[in-house]
Amino acid sequence: MLSLQRAAGNRAATRMLQRFPVETDVESFWSELVEELKKQDRTTEDLDCFQASLRVSTIGRSKARERKLKPQRPPLDGPLHRISQHDKRATPEEASAAHGRGWRVRDHVVASLGPREYLKVHTGGAGGAAPTAAFYPLLPGMIIYTAENVGWADRSSRKYNWFKRHAAVYRGGGWVRDNFRTQPRNILVGHEEEDDWGAWKRPEDPKKDDPQFLTTLAVYDPFFAYRSEAEVLWLSRGARTGLSAAFGR
């Protein structure tokens, strides 16, 4: 009976404390993807950005099995944080607000006074209104999906689509991994290597189809099944205010 109780206690402790993946894991998963593609005379640029992100997740789950890490719960069947109403279609209100924010207000990662990190996401801003910000918890291995333009899908019915969509794997510490870059990119506010340009790089003289803004559509968590109970509890509270994020709540 005592041995069974100890085993149950160990399992409970594992569920509470398990951290997978961590920052170094994500980097190793990305490196393995690069090596896999190299054997096929391909690079990550040959993959769609979301496909590359999901391939990293597949490698990560394989590593979890090798380490005998068991899923703690079912995987998510959609985004962890849904920001826009849809990943492809945009409402007229979302389109107007994104253009209202323009390039001066962009979503970035911020760090709390403790070890926690959040994605600062702006909404609103149409017609000169002040945008509002919400702070979404981030963990290594999550996929940040953004858009940098929006345009007509059907002008007669006022239907819009997001354009310049891009998925990046969050490594931690503000670093993300992109399919068309050999080196990581940092999106942490105040970091010495912070990327102010966005995934697609805004030109000096932007044209109609060039990046117009940088807004987040959704955050996916392909490793949700492996998160610790403590992490899931933290994530379950959803978006935070700036004050709560500053203190890592």
Protein backbone atom coordinates (compact mmCIF):
# COMPACT_ATOMS: atom_id res chain seq x y z
CA MET A 1 0.00 0.00 0.00
CA LEU A 2 2.80 2.42 0.89
CA SER A 3 4.57 1.74 -2.41
CA LEU A 4 1.35 2.47 -4.29
CA GLN A 5 0.91 5.70 -2.39
CA ARG A 6 4.49 6.73 -3.14
CA ALA A 7 3.98 5.94 -6.82
CA ALA A 8 0.79 7.97 -6.88
CA GLY A 9 2.59 10.83 -5.16
CA ASN A 10 5.42 10.69 -7.69
CA ARG A 11 2.96 10.81 -10.57
CA ALA A 12 1.19 13.79 -9.02
CA ALA A 13 4.51 15.58 -8.55
CA THR A 14 5.41 14.89 -12.18
CA ARG A 15 2.11 16.33 -13.37
CA MET A 16 2.68 19.43 -11.28
CA LEU A 17 6.36 20.04 -12.07
CA GLN A 18 6.93 18.64 -15.57
CA ARG A 19 8.37 21.29 -17.91
CA PHE A 20 8.34 20.29 -21.57
CA PRO A 21 9.54 21.68 -23.82
CA VAL A 22 12.02 24.22 -22.47
CA GLU A 23 13.95 26.75 -24.55
CA THR A 24 16.87 24.44 -25.33
CA ASP A 25 14.43 21.70 -26.40
CA VAL A 26 12.81 23.95 -28.99
CA GLU A 27 16.18 24.91 -30.43
CA SER A 28 17.20 21.26 -30.70
CA PHE A 29 13.88 20.37 -32.40
CA TRP A 30 14.48 23.12 -34.94
CA SER A 31 18.04 21.92 -35.56
CA GLU A 32 16.77 18.40 -36.14
CA LEU A 33 14.26 19.69 -38.69
CA VAL A 34 17.07 21.53 -40.49
CA GLU A 35 19.14 18.33 -40.60
CA GLU A 36 16.19 16.26 -41.85
CA LEU A 37 15.61 18.70 -44.69
CA LYS A 38 19.31 18.95 -45.51
CA LYS A 39 19.34 15.21 -46.26
CA GLN A 40 16.58 15.91 -48.80
CA ASP A 41 18.51 18.86 -50.31
CA ARG A 42 15.89 21.19 -48.89
CA THR A 43 15.75 23.99 -46.34
CA THR A 44 13.06 25.34 -44.06
CA GLU A 45 12.39 27.99 -46.72
CA ASP A 46 10.95 25.19 -48.86
CA LEU A 47 8.20 24.69 -46.27
CA ASP A 48 5.16 26.80 -45.55
CA CYS A 49 5.64 28.66 -42.27
CA PHE A 50 2.85 26.79 -40.49
CA GLN A 51 4.04 23.46 -41.93
CA ALA A 52 7.54 24.12 -40.60
CA SER A 53 6.13 24.98 -37.16
CA LEU A 54 4.05 21.81 -37.07
CA ARG A 55 7.04 19.70 -38.16
CA VAL A 56 8.94 21.06 -35.15
CA SER A 57 6.01 20.06 -32.94
CA THR A 58 5.98 16.54 -34.40
CA ILE A 59 9.71 16.16 -33.66
CA GLY A 60 9.10 17.43 -30.13
CA ARG A 61 6.34 14.94 -29.41
CA SER A 62 8.59 12.15 -30.68
CA LYS A 63 11.29 13.29 -28.24
CA ALA A 64 8.73 13.29 -25.44
CA ARG A 65 7.99 9.62 -26.13
CA GLU A 66 11.71 8.83 -26.16
CA ARG A 67 12.01 10.46 -22.73
CA LYS A 68 8.98 8.48 -21.55
CA LEU A 69 7.04 11.67 -20.90
CA LYS A 70 3.37 10.89 -20.94
CA PRO A 71 0.66 13.31 -22.08
CA GLN A 72 -1.13 14.74 -19.06
CA ARG A 73 -4.34 15.58 -20.94
CA PRO A 74 -5.83 15.56 -24.47
CA PRO A 75 -4.27 17.94 -27.00
CA LEU A 76 -6.05 21.11 -27.99
CA ASP A 77 -8.11 20.96 -31.17
CA GLY A 78 -7.75 24.69 -31.83
CA PRO A 79 -5.73 27.71 -30.70
CA LEU A 80 -4.89 28.25 -27.04
CA HIS A 81 -5.44 32.00 -27.45
CA ARG A 82 -7.87 33.06 -30.17
CA ILE A 83 -7.33 36.77 -30.90
CA SER A 84 -9.00 37.43 -34.26
CA GLN A 85 -12.26 35.73 -35.09
CA HIS A 86 -10.60 33.61 -37.79
CA ASP A 87 -7.08 32.82 -39.07
CA LYS A 88 -7.91 33.73 -42.68
CA ARG A 89 -11.09 35.79 -42.76
CA ALA A 90 -11.23 39.24 -41.16
CA THR A 91 -14.30 41.20 -40.14
CA PRO A 92 -14.70 44.80 -41.37
CA GLU A 93 -14.18 45.96 -37.78
CA GLU A 94 -10.93 44.00 -37.45
CA ALA A 95 -9.67 45.32 -40.79
CA SER A 96 -10.45 48.92 -39.87
CA ALA A 97 -8.83 48.59 -36.45
CA ALA A 98 -5.66 46.95 -37.81
CA HIS A 99 -5.19 49.70 -40.39
CA GLY A 100 -5.96 52.28 -37.71
CA ARG A 101 -3.13 50.95 -35.53
CA GLY A 102 -0.83 50.83 -38.54
CA TRP A 103 2.86 50.14 -38.20
CA ARG A 104 3.36 52.28 -35.09
CA VAL A 105 1.56 49.79 -32.78
CA ARG A 106 2.92 46.27 -33.07
CA ASP A 107 2.49 43.13 -30.97
CA HIS A 108 5.62 42.03 -29.08
CA VAL A 109 6.74 39.83 -26.19
CA VAL A 110 7.12 41.37 -22.74
CA ALA A 111 8.71 39.85 -19.64
CA SER A 112 7.41 40.06 -16.08
CA LEU A 113 9.48 40.84 -13.01
CA GLY A 114 9.77 37.06 -12.60
CA PRO A 115 10.52 34.36 -15.18
CA ARG A 116 7.18 34.57 -17.02
CA GLU A 117 6.63 35.96 -20.51
CA TYR A 118 3.58 37.34 -22.28
CA LEU A 119 2.60 38.34 -25.79
CA LYS A 120 1.36 41.92 -25.73
CA VAL A 121 -1.51 42.04 -28.22
CA HIS A 122 -3.23 45.22 -29.37
CA THR A 123 -6.84 45.52 -30.51
CA GLY A 124 -9.01 48.49 -31.52
CA GLY A 125 -7.58 51.67 -32.97
CA ALA A 126 -10.06 52.34 -35.76
CA GLY A 127 -10.76 55.96 -36.64
CA GLY A 128 -7.98 57.31 -34.46
CA ALA A 129 -9.21 55.60 -31.27
CA ALA A 130 -6.58 54.53 -28.76
CA PRO A 131 -5.77 50.79 -29.06
CA THR A 132 -6.10 48.57 -26.02
CA ALA A 133 -3.58 45.90 -25.00
CA ALA A 134 -3.98 42.46 -23.46
CA PHE A 135 -1.18 40.17 -22.30
CA TYR A 136 -1.32 36.47 -23.22
CA PRO A 137 0.88 33.89 -21.41
CA LEU A 138 3.62 32.35 -23.55
CA LEU A 139 5.65 29.15 -23.13
CA PRO A 140 8.37 27.57 -25.27
CA GLY A 141 7.02 25.54 -28.18
CA MET A 142 3.94 27.66 -28.80
CA ILE A 143 3.18 28.91 -32.31
CA ILE A 144 2.50 32.62 -32.80
CA TYR A 145 0.37 33.32 -35.90
CA THR A 146 0.35 36.89 -37.21
CA ALA A 147 -0.80 38.98 -40.16
CA GLU A 148 0.69 42.14 -41.63
CA ASN A 149 -1.97 43.13 -44.16
CA VAL A 150 -5.68 42.74 -44.87
CA GLY A 151 -7.63 43.17 -48.08
CA TRP A 152 -10.83 42.43 -49.93
CA ALA A 153 -11.95 38.84 -50.38
CA ASP A 154 -15.28 39.99 -51.84
CA ARG A 155 -15.88 43.73 -52.11
CA SER A 156 -19.61 43.42 -52.84
CA SER A 157 -20.28 41.57 -49.58
CA ARG A 158 -17.61 43.46 -47.61
CA LYS A 159 -15.64 40.32 -46.84
CA TYR A 160 -11.95 40.62 -45.98
CA ASN A 161 -9.01 38.22 -45.76
CA TRP A 162 -5.85 38.56 -43.71
CA PHE A 163 -2.71 38.65 -45.88
CA LYS A 164 1.00 38.32 -45.14
CA ARG A 165 0.15 35.67 -42.56
CA HIS A 166 3.08 34.10 -40.75
CA ALA A 167 3.62 31.36 -38.16
CA ALA A 168 6.69 31.28 -35.91
CA VAL A 169 7.71 28.87 -33.16
CA TYR A 170 8.30 30.56 -29.82
CA ARG A 171 11.60 29.44 -28.31
CA GLY A 172 11.55 31.52 -25.14
CA GLY A 173 13.35 34.65 -24.01
CA GLY A 174 11.64 36.58 -26.81
CA TRP A 175 13.24 34.41 -29.51
CA VAL A 176 11.21 32.90 -32.34
CA ARG A 177 12.13 30.51 -35.12
CA ASP A 178 10.96 31.28 -38.68
CA ASN A 179 10.99 29.05 -41.75
CA PHE A 180 12.82 31.63 -43.92
CA ARG A 181 15.59 32.54 -41.48
CA THR A 182 18.71 30.60 -40.53
CA GLN A 183 19.04 32.49 -37.23
CA PRO A 184 16.43 33.11 -34.51
CA ARG A 185 14.64 36.46 -34.37
CA ASN A 186 13.93 38.33 -31.12
CA ILE A 187 10.61 40.07 -30.47
CA LEU A 188 11.09 40.90 -26.77
CA VAL A 189 10.50 44.59 -26.06
CA GLY A 190 13.75 46.26 -25.00
CA HIS A 191 16.04 43.39 -26.05
CA GLU A 192 19.27 44.55 -27.68
CA GLU A 193 18.37 42.47 -30.76
CA GLU A 194 14.65 43.25 -30.74
CA ASP A 195 13.17 43.03 -34.24
CA ASP A 196 11.10 46.17 -34.86
CA TRP A 197 10.22 45.27 -38.42
CA GLY A 198 7.97 42.23 -38.20
CA ALA A 199 8.23 38.93 -40.03
CA TRP A 200 7.99 40.34 -43.56
CA LYS A 201 10.20 43.42 -43.19
CA ARG A 202 8.46 46.70 -44.02
CA PRO A 203 10.08 48.49 -46.98
CA GLU A 204 10.98 52.18 -46.94
CA ASP A 205 8.21 52.97 -49.46
CA PRO A 206 5.40 50.51 -48.75
CA LYS A 207 3.00 49.67 -51.54
CA LYS A 208 -0.58 48.54 -51.18
CA ASP A 209 0.27 44.83 -50.82
CA ASP A 210 3.27 45.36 -48.54
CA PRO A 211 3.09 45.01 -44.72
CA GLN A 212 0.83 47.65 -43.22
CA PHE A 213 0.67 46.56 -39.57
CA LEU A 214 1.68 43.67 -37.29
CA THR A 215 -1.19 41.99 -35.49
CA THR A 216 -1.63 38.60 -33.84
CA LEU A 217 -4.36 36.27 -35.06
CA ALA A 218 -3.88 33.37 -32.63
CA VAL A 219 -1.44 31.49 -30.42
CA TYR A 220 -1.38 27.70 -30.75
CA ASP A 221 0.07 25.25 -28.23
CA PRO A 222 0.91 21.88 -29.84
CA PHE A 223 2.52 20.79 -26.54
CA PHE A 224 -0.50 21.53 -24.34
CA ALA A 225 -0.90 17.83 -23.52
CA TYR A 226 2.59 17.82 -21.96
CA ARG A 227 2.35 21.00 -19.90
CA SER A 228 2.52 20.69 -16.13
CA GLU A 229 -0.56 21.20 -14.00
CA ALA A 230 0.97 24.43 -12.72
CA GLU A 231 1.53 25.70 -16.27
CA VAL A 232 -2.00 24.80 -17.35
CA LEU A 233 -3.42 26.58 -14.33
CA TRP A 234 -1.41 29.67 -15.26
CA LEU A 235 -2.49 29.46 -18.91
CA SER A 236 -6.15 28.88 -18.08
CA ARG A 237 -6.56 32.40 -16.75
CA GLY A 238 -6.28 33.77 -20.30
CA ALA A 239 -5.36 37.34 -21.12
CA ARG A 240 -3.98 39.55 -18.34
CA THR A 241 -3.88 43.26 -17.72
CA GLY A 242 -0.54 45.03 -17.89
CA LEU A 243 -0.28 45.14 -14.09
CA SER A 244 -0.93 41.41 -13.70
CA ALA A 245 1.61 40.60 -16.44
CA ALA A 246 4.24 42.88 -14.87
CA PHE A 247 4.11 40.80 -11.68
CA GLY A 248 3.87 37.47 -13.49
CA ARG A 249 0.41 36.63 -12.20
